[in-house]
N, C-alpha and C. Protein backbone atom coordinates (compact mmCIF):
# COMPACT_ATOMS: atom_id res chain seq x y z
N MET A 1 -87.76 5.61 -122.59
CA MET A 1 -86.46 6.25 -122.71
C MET A 1 -86.22 7.09 -121.45
N ALA A 2 -85.23 6.71 -120.67
CA ALA A 2 -84.91 7.43 -119.45
C ALA A 2 -83.94 8.58 -119.75
N LEU A 3 -84.09 9.64 -119.00
CA LEU A 3 -83.23 10.81 -119.16
C LEU A 3 -82.42 11.03 -117.89
N HIS A 4 -81.23 11.58 -118.06
CA HIS A 4 -80.44 12.03 -116.92
C HIS A 4 -79.80 13.36 -117.32
N ARG A 5 -79.25 14.05 -116.35
CA ARG A 5 -78.68 15.37 -116.61
C ARG A 5 -77.20 15.27 -116.96
N CYS A 6 -76.81 16.06 -117.91
CA CYS A 6 -75.39 16.15 -118.28
C CYS A 6 -74.67 16.88 -117.14
N PRO A 7 -73.56 16.36 -116.63
CA PRO A 7 -72.87 17.03 -115.54
C PRO A 7 -72.24 18.35 -115.95
N GLU A 8 -72.02 18.55 -117.23
CA GLU A 8 -71.37 19.76 -117.69
C GLU A 8 -72.36 20.90 -117.90
N CYS A 9 -73.42 20.66 -118.69
CA CYS A 9 -74.36 21.74 -119.02
C CYS A 9 -75.70 21.64 -118.28
N ARG A 10 -75.92 20.52 -117.55
CA ARG A 10 -77.11 20.29 -116.72
C ARG A 10 -78.39 20.15 -117.53
N ARG A 11 -78.32 19.90 -118.82
CA ARG A 11 -79.52 19.66 -119.63
C ARG A 11 -79.82 18.17 -119.65
N LYS A 12 -81.08 17.83 -119.89
CA LYS A 12 -81.48 16.43 -119.92
C LYS A 12 -81.03 15.76 -121.21
N VAL A 13 -80.47 14.55 -121.03
CA VAL A 13 -79.93 13.78 -122.15
C VAL A 13 -80.37 12.33 -121.98
N SER A 14 -80.56 11.63 -123.06
CA SER A 14 -80.91 10.21 -123.01
C SER A 14 -79.79 9.41 -122.34
N GLU A 15 -80.16 8.38 -121.57
CA GLU A 15 -79.17 7.54 -120.92
C GLU A 15 -78.33 6.76 -121.93
N ASN A 16 -78.84 6.57 -123.13
CA ASN A 16 -78.12 5.82 -124.16
C ASN A 16 -77.14 6.67 -124.95
N ALA A 17 -77.13 7.97 -124.74
CA ALA A 17 -76.28 8.87 -125.52
C ALA A 17 -74.81 8.68 -125.15
N GLN A 18 -73.96 8.72 -126.15
CA GLN A 18 -72.51 8.64 -125.94
C GLN A 18 -71.93 10.02 -125.61
N PHE A 19 -72.55 11.05 -126.20
CA PHE A 19 -72.12 12.43 -126.02
C PHE A 19 -73.34 13.31 -125.78
N CYS A 20 -73.15 14.38 -125.05
CA CYS A 20 -74.24 15.35 -124.85
C CYS A 20 -74.43 16.11 -126.17
N PRO A 21 -75.64 16.18 -126.70
CA PRO A 21 -75.85 16.91 -127.95
C PRO A 21 -75.75 18.42 -127.77
N HIS A 22 -75.80 18.89 -126.55
CA HIS A 22 -75.78 20.33 -126.29
C HIS A 22 -74.35 20.87 -126.12
N CYS A 23 -73.53 20.15 -125.33
CA CYS A 23 -72.19 20.67 -125.05
C CYS A 23 -71.07 19.74 -125.51
N GLY A 24 -71.41 18.51 -125.91
CA GLY A 24 -70.42 17.58 -126.40
C GLY A 24 -69.71 16.78 -125.32
N PHE A 25 -70.19 16.84 -124.09
CA PHE A 25 -69.58 16.08 -122.99
C PHE A 25 -69.68 14.59 -123.28
N SER A 26 -68.58 13.87 -123.06
CA SER A 26 -68.53 12.43 -123.34
C SER A 26 -68.96 11.65 -122.10
N PHE A 27 -69.85 10.68 -122.29
CA PHE A 27 -70.32 9.85 -121.19
C PHE A 27 -69.57 8.53 -121.07
N GLN A 28 -68.45 8.41 -121.76
CA GLN A 28 -67.64 7.20 -121.66
C GLN A 28 -66.99 7.15 -120.28
N GLU A 29 -66.78 5.95 -119.76
CA GLU A 29 -66.31 5.78 -118.37
C GLU A 29 -64.96 6.45 -118.12
N ALA A 30 -64.06 6.40 -119.08
CA ALA A 30 -62.74 7.03 -118.90
C ALA A 30 -62.89 8.54 -118.77
N ASP A 31 -63.77 9.13 -119.59
CA ASP A 31 -63.98 10.58 -119.53
C ASP A 31 -64.70 10.98 -118.24
N LEU A 32 -65.61 10.12 -117.78
CA LEU A 32 -66.30 10.40 -116.51
C LEU A 32 -65.31 10.36 -115.34
N ALA A 33 -64.34 9.44 -115.39
CA ALA A 33 -63.34 9.36 -114.32
C ALA A 33 -62.49 10.64 -114.29
N VAL A 34 -62.11 11.13 -115.45
CA VAL A 34 -61.34 12.38 -115.53
C VAL A 34 -62.17 13.53 -114.98
N TYR A 35 -63.44 13.55 -115.33
CA TYR A 35 -64.34 14.61 -114.86
C TYR A 35 -64.46 14.57 -113.33
N ARG A 36 -64.58 13.36 -112.76
CA ARG A 36 -64.67 13.23 -111.30
C ARG A 36 -63.39 13.71 -110.62
N GLN A 37 -62.24 13.44 -111.22
CA GLN A 37 -60.97 13.91 -110.67
C GLN A 37 -60.91 15.43 -110.69
N LYS A 38 -61.35 16.03 -111.77
CA LYS A 38 -61.37 17.50 -111.86
C LYS A 38 -62.30 18.09 -110.81
N LEU A 39 -63.46 17.47 -110.62
CA LEU A 39 -64.40 17.96 -109.61
C LEU A 39 -63.79 17.88 -108.22
N GLU A 40 -63.11 16.79 -107.93
CA GLU A 40 -62.48 16.63 -106.62
C GLU A 40 -61.37 17.66 -106.43
N GLN A 41 -60.61 17.93 -107.48
CA GLN A 41 -59.55 18.94 -107.41
C GLN A 41 -60.15 20.32 -107.16
N ARG A 42 -61.22 20.65 -107.85
CA ARG A 42 -61.89 21.94 -107.63
C ARG A 42 -62.44 22.05 -106.22
N ARG A 43 -63.00 20.95 -105.71
CA ARG A 43 -63.54 20.95 -104.35
C ARG A 43 -62.43 21.21 -103.33
N LEU A 44 -61.29 20.60 -103.51
CA LEU A 44 -60.17 20.82 -102.60
C LEU A 44 -59.64 22.25 -102.69
N GLU A 45 -59.57 22.80 -103.90
CA GLU A 45 -59.13 24.18 -104.07
C GLU A 45 -60.11 25.14 -103.39
N ASN A 46 -61.40 24.91 -103.58
CA ASN A 46 -62.41 25.77 -102.95
C ASN A 46 -62.36 25.66 -101.43
N GLN A 47 -62.09 24.45 -100.93
CA GLN A 47 -61.98 24.25 -99.49
C GLN A 47 -60.81 25.06 -98.93
N GLU A 48 -59.69 25.08 -99.65
CA GLU A 48 -58.52 25.85 -99.21
C GLU A 48 -58.81 27.35 -99.26
N ILE A 49 -59.50 27.80 -100.30
CA ILE A 49 -59.87 29.22 -100.40
C ILE A 49 -60.78 29.60 -99.24
N ASN A 50 -61.75 28.76 -98.92
CA ASN A 50 -62.66 29.04 -97.80
C ASN A 50 -61.91 29.09 -96.48
N ARG A 51 -60.93 28.21 -96.31
CA ARG A 51 -60.15 28.20 -95.08
C ARG A 51 -59.35 29.50 -94.93
N LYS A 52 -58.73 29.95 -96.03
CA LYS A 52 -57.97 31.21 -96.01
C LYS A 52 -58.90 32.39 -95.75
N SER A 53 -60.08 32.36 -96.36
CA SER A 53 -61.04 33.43 -96.18
C SER A 53 -61.50 33.52 -94.72
N ALA A 54 -61.71 32.38 -94.10
CA ALA A 54 -62.12 32.36 -92.69
C ALA A 54 -61.04 32.96 -91.81
N LYS A 55 -59.78 32.66 -92.09
CA LYS A 55 -58.67 33.23 -91.33
C LYS A 55 -58.63 34.75 -91.47
N ILE A 56 -58.82 35.23 -92.68
CA ILE A 56 -58.82 36.68 -92.91
C ILE A 56 -59.97 37.34 -92.17
N HIS A 57 -61.14 36.73 -92.17
CA HIS A 57 -62.28 37.29 -91.45
C HIS A 57 -62.01 37.33 -89.95
N LEU A 58 -61.39 36.31 -89.42
CA LEU A 58 -61.07 36.30 -87.99
C LEU A 58 -60.05 37.38 -87.65
N ILE A 59 -59.07 37.59 -88.52
CA ILE A 59 -58.09 38.65 -88.28
C ILE A 59 -58.77 40.01 -88.27
N TRP A 60 -59.65 40.26 -89.25
CA TRP A 60 -60.36 41.53 -89.29
C TRP A 60 -61.28 41.71 -88.08
N LEU A 61 -61.89 40.64 -87.64
CA LEU A 61 -62.73 40.71 -86.45
C LEU A 61 -61.89 41.07 -85.22
N ALA A 62 -60.71 40.47 -85.09
CA ALA A 62 -59.83 40.77 -83.97
C ALA A 62 -59.38 42.24 -84.01
N ILE A 63 -59.04 42.73 -85.19
CA ILE A 63 -58.65 44.15 -85.33
C ILE A 63 -59.81 45.05 -84.93
N PHE A 64 -61.00 44.73 -85.37
CA PHE A 64 -62.18 45.53 -85.05
C PHE A 64 -62.42 45.55 -83.54
N VAL A 65 -62.31 44.40 -82.89
CA VAL A 65 -62.52 44.33 -81.45
C VAL A 65 -61.46 45.14 -80.71
N ILE A 66 -60.22 45.08 -81.16
CA ILE A 66 -59.14 45.85 -80.53
C ILE A 66 -59.39 47.35 -80.69
N VAL A 67 -59.80 47.78 -81.87
CA VAL A 67 -60.08 49.21 -82.10
C VAL A 67 -61.24 49.68 -81.22
N ILE A 68 -62.30 48.89 -81.12
CA ILE A 68 -63.44 49.26 -80.28
C ILE A 68 -63.03 49.30 -78.82
N ALA A 69 -62.22 48.34 -78.38
CA ALA A 69 -61.76 48.32 -76.99
C ALA A 69 -60.89 49.53 -76.69
N CYS A 70 -59.98 49.88 -77.59
CA CYS A 70 -59.12 51.05 -77.40
C CYS A 70 -59.95 52.33 -77.38
N ALA A 71 -60.93 52.43 -78.24
CA ALA A 71 -61.78 53.63 -78.28
C ALA A 71 -62.60 53.74 -77.01
N SER A 72 -63.09 52.65 -76.48
CA SER A 72 -63.89 52.72 -75.25
C SER A 72 -63.00 53.05 -74.05
N LEU A 73 -61.78 52.57 -74.02
CA LEU A 73 -60.86 52.89 -72.92
C LEU A 73 -60.39 54.34 -73.01
N TRP A 74 -60.23 54.85 -74.20
CA TRP A 74 -59.75 56.20 -74.40
C TRP A 74 -60.80 57.23 -73.94
N GLN A 75 -62.08 56.92 -74.11
CA GLN A 75 -63.12 57.86 -73.73
C GLN A 75 -63.27 57.96 -72.22
N GLN A 76 -62.83 56.98 -71.48
CA GLN A 76 -62.98 57.02 -70.02
C GLN A 76 -62.02 57.92 -69.42
């Protein structure tokens, strides 16, 4: 009897199981396709969040560099 992990709860489940006994996740092909679409949508949303976060970090870095440059010029 081979085991694989449930994509939802990550517990080991028999390959012959129709549903995960722990969380009720369905292993039918139609349900797996829906699950893959949701994963892809989450991945794209996270990618967009990371892109926005990188922009904000660069803006803050630029502000910090400008403040340090102004402070060093002011002391001279």
